[in-house]
Amino acid sequence: MARKSNIARDEKRRKMIERYAKKRAELKAKGDFAALHKLPKNSSPVRLKNRCQLSGRPRGYIGYFGISRIAFRELASKGEIMGIKKSSW
C-alpha cells in the first residue's frame, strides 16, 4: 500500500486541477503563456498520477477499472468484478 502522504498529495492535486481547469483553458485560448506560467504547478493535469483506488499503488494501473493489477487479480479471483473470471483449461 502506498504511503498516506502520497495518496493525500495526489488527491490535493486532483482538487487543484478541477479548480483551475476553466482558467487554464481561457488562458490557453488567449495564448497568454506568461499568466499561465504564474498559476500553481500542481494545477497542471500533466502532474497527475494514476493510482489504484483501493491501495494507492501507482504502478500496474489498469485504467478501465481504476485499480492496480494486483487488486484486479484479487477481485477477479473472488468473482467481484462483473464479466471477469479466471481462465483455466
C-alpha atoms as a PDB file:
ATOM      1  CA  MET A   1       0.000   0.000   0.000  1.00  0.00           C
ATOM      2  CA  ALA A   2       1.197   3.475  -0.838  1.00  0.00           C
ATOM      3  CA  ARG A   3       2.013   5.927   1.907  1.00  0.00           C
ATOM      4  CA  LYS A   4      -0.915   8.024   3.068  1.00  0.00           C
ATOM      5  CA  SER A   5       1.009  11.206   2.284  1.00  0.00           C
ATOM      6  CA  ASN A   6       1.364  10.231  -1.396  1.00  0.00           C
ATOM      7  CA  ILE A   7      -2.333   9.456  -1.680  1.00  0.00           C
ATOM      8  CA  ALA A   8      -3.245  12.747   0.034  1.00  0.00           C
ATOM      9  CA  ARG A   9      -0.871  14.709  -2.216  1.00  0.00           C
ATOM     10  CA  ASP A  10      -2.431  13.165  -5.304  1.00  0.00           C
ATOM     11  CA  GLU A  11      -5.937  13.985  -4.053  1.00  0.00           C
ATOM     12  CA  LYS A  12      -4.862  17.580  -3.390  1.00  0.00           C
ATOM     13  CA  ARG A  13      -3.597  17.827  -6.975  1.00  0.00           C
ATOM     14  CA  ARG A  14      -6.902  16.482  -8.328  1.00  0.00           C
ATOM     15  CA  LYS A  15      -8.819  19.202  -6.483  1.00  0.00           C
ATOM     16  CA  MET A  16      -6.441  21.908  -7.679  1.00  0.00           C
ATOM     17  CA  ILE A  17      -6.725  20.723 -11.295  1.00  0.00           C
ATOM     18  CA  GLU A  18     -10.522  20.957 -11.044  1.00  0.00           C
ATOM     19  CA  ARG A  19     -10.345  24.429  -9.509  1.00  0.00           C
ATOM     20  CA  TYR A  20      -8.051  25.890 -12.190  1.00  0.00           C
ATOM     21  CA  ALA A  21      -9.306  23.966 -15.252  1.00  0.00           C
ATOM     22  CA  LYS A  22     -11.556  26.760 -16.545  1.00  0.00           C
ATOM     23  CA  LYS A  23      -8.928  29.470 -16.009  1.00  0.00           C
ATOM     24  CA  ARG A  24      -6.228  27.379 -17.703  1.00  0.00           C
ATOM     25  CA  ALA A  25      -8.471  26.796 -20.716  1.00  0.00           C
ATOM     26  CA  GLU A  26      -9.188  30.530 -21.052  1.00  0.00           C
ATOM     27  CA  LEU A  27      -5.502  31.473 -20.820  1.00  0.00           C
ATOM     28  CA  LYS A  28      -4.527  28.831 -23.366  1.00  0.00           C
ATOM     29  CA  ALA A  29      -7.191  30.059 -25.787  1.00  0.00           C
ATOM     30  CA  LYS A  30      -5.887  33.638 -25.458  1.00  0.00           C
ATOM     31  CA  GLY A  31      -2.281  32.497 -25.798  1.00  0.00           C
ATOM     32  CA  ASP A  32      -1.308  34.270 -22.572  1.00  0.00           C
ATOM     33  CA  PHE A  33       1.501  31.934 -21.543  1.00  0.00           C
ATOM     34  CA  ALA A  34       3.012  34.391 -19.071  1.00  0.00           C
ATOM     35  CA  ALA A  35      -0.153  34.331 -16.948  1.00  0.00           C
ATOM     36  CA  LEU A  36      -0.385  30.572 -17.423  1.00  0.00           C
ATOM     37  CA  HIS A  37       3.115  30.235 -16.019  1.00  0.00           C
ATOM     38  CA  LYS A  38       2.078  32.130 -12.862  1.00  0.00           C
ATOM     39  CA  LEU A  39      -0.575  29.539 -11.970  1.00  0.00           C
ATOM     40  CA  PRO A  40       0.385  26.871  -9.412  1.00  0.00           C
ATOM     41  CA  LYS A  41       2.437  23.960 -10.784  1.00  0.00           C
ATOM     42  CA  ASN A  42       0.039  21.389  -9.382  1.00  0.00           C
ATOM     43  CA  SER A  43      -2.867  22.876 -11.332  1.00  0.00           C
ATOM     44  CA  SER A  44      -1.465  21.286 -14.500  1.00  0.00           C
ATOM     45  CA  PRO A  45      -3.138  17.974 -15.435  1.00  0.00           C
ATOM     46  CA  VAL A  46       0.235  16.599 -16.555  1.00  0.00           C
ATOM     47  CA  ARG A  47       1.369  16.351 -12.926  1.00  0.00           C
ATOM     48  CA  LEU A  48      -1.460  13.956 -12.031  1.00  0.00           C
ATOM     49  CA  LYS A  49      -0.517  10.327 -11.389  1.00  0.00           C
ATOM     50  CA  ASN A  50      -2.951   7.468 -11.893  1.00  0.00           C
ATOM     51  CA  ARG A  51      -3.273   5.479  -8.671  1.00  0.00           C
ATOM     52  CA  CYS A  52      -5.220   2.403  -7.592  1.00  0.00           C
ATOM     53  CA  GLN A  53      -8.454   3.392  -5.844  1.00  0.00           C
ATOM     54  CA  LEU A  54      -8.082   0.585  -3.316  1.00  0.00           C
ATOM     55  CA  SER A  55      -4.391   0.577  -2.415  1.00  0.00           C
ATOM     56  CA  GLY A  56      -2.984   3.789  -3.885  1.00  0.00           C
ATOM     57  CA  ARG A  57      -0.389   1.852  -5.876  1.00  0.00           C
ATOM     58  CA  PRO A  58       0.980   3.960  -8.784  1.00  0.00           C
ATOM     59  CA  ARG A  59       2.381   1.117 -10.900  1.00  0.00           C
ATOM     60  CA  GLY A  60       0.468  -1.552 -12.788  1.00  0.00           C
ATOM     61  CA  TYR A  61      -2.597   0.687 -13.071  1.00  0.00           C
ATOM     62  CA  ILE A  62      -5.467  -0.634 -15.228  1.00  0.00           C
ATOM     63  CA  GLY A  63      -7.311   2.469 -16.386  1.00  0.00           C
ATOM     64  CA  TYR A  64     -10.569   0.806 -17.407  1.00  0.00           C
ATOM     65  CA  PHE A  65     -11.126  -0.473 -13.870  1.00  0.00           C
ATOM     66  CA  GLY A  66      -9.212   2.223 -11.971  1.00  0.00           C
ATOM     67  CA  ILE A  67      -7.278  -0.310  -9.898  1.00  0.00           C
ATOM     68  CA  SER A  68      -3.830  -1.899  -9.935  1.00  0.00           C
ATOM     69  CA  ARG A  69      -3.088  -5.295 -11.454  1.00  0.00           C
ATOM     70  CA  ILE A  70      -2.721  -6.856  -8.011  1.00  0.00           C
ATOM     71  CA  ALA A  71      -6.081  -5.599  -6.744  1.00  0.00           C
ATOM     72  CA  PHE A  72      -7.635  -6.580 -10.087  1.00  0.00           C
ATOM     73  CA  ARG A  73      -6.368 -10.160  -9.770  1.00  0.00           C
ATOM     74  CA  GLU A  74      -7.658 -10.492  -6.194  1.00  0.00           C
ATOM     75  CA  LEU A  75     -11.104  -9.152  -7.077  1.00  0.00           C
ATOM     76  CA  ALA A  76     -11.312 -11.251 -10.247  1.00  0.00           C
ATOM     77  CA  SER A  77     -10.388 -14.414  -8.340  1.00  0.00           C
ATOM     78  CA  LYS A  78     -13.136 -13.714  -5.807  1.00  0.00           C
ATOM     79  CA  GLY A  79     -15.612 -13.060  -8.636  1.00  0.00           C
ATOM     80  CA  GLU A  80     -16.330  -9.496  -7.527  1.00  0.00           C
ATOM     81  CA  ILE A  81     -15.788  -7.942 -10.978  1.00  0.00           C
ATOM     82  CA  MET A  82     -18.722  -8.482 -13.279  1.00  0.00           C
ATOM     83  CA  GLY A  83     -17.911 -10.256 -16.551  1.00  0.00           C
ATOM     84  CA  ILE A  84     -14.391 -11.249 -15.485  1.00  0.00           C
ATOM     85  CA  LYS A  85     -13.403 -14.766 -14.475  1.00  0.00           C
ATOM     86  CA  LYS A  86     -10.094 -16.553 -14.123  1.00  0.00           C
ATOM     87  CA  SER A  87      -9.384 -18.730 -17.109  1.00  0.00           C
ATOM     88  CA  SER A  88      -8.463 -22.368 -16.710  1.00  0.00           C
ATOM     89  CA  TRP A  89      -8.002 -25.158 -19.216  1.00  0.00           C
END
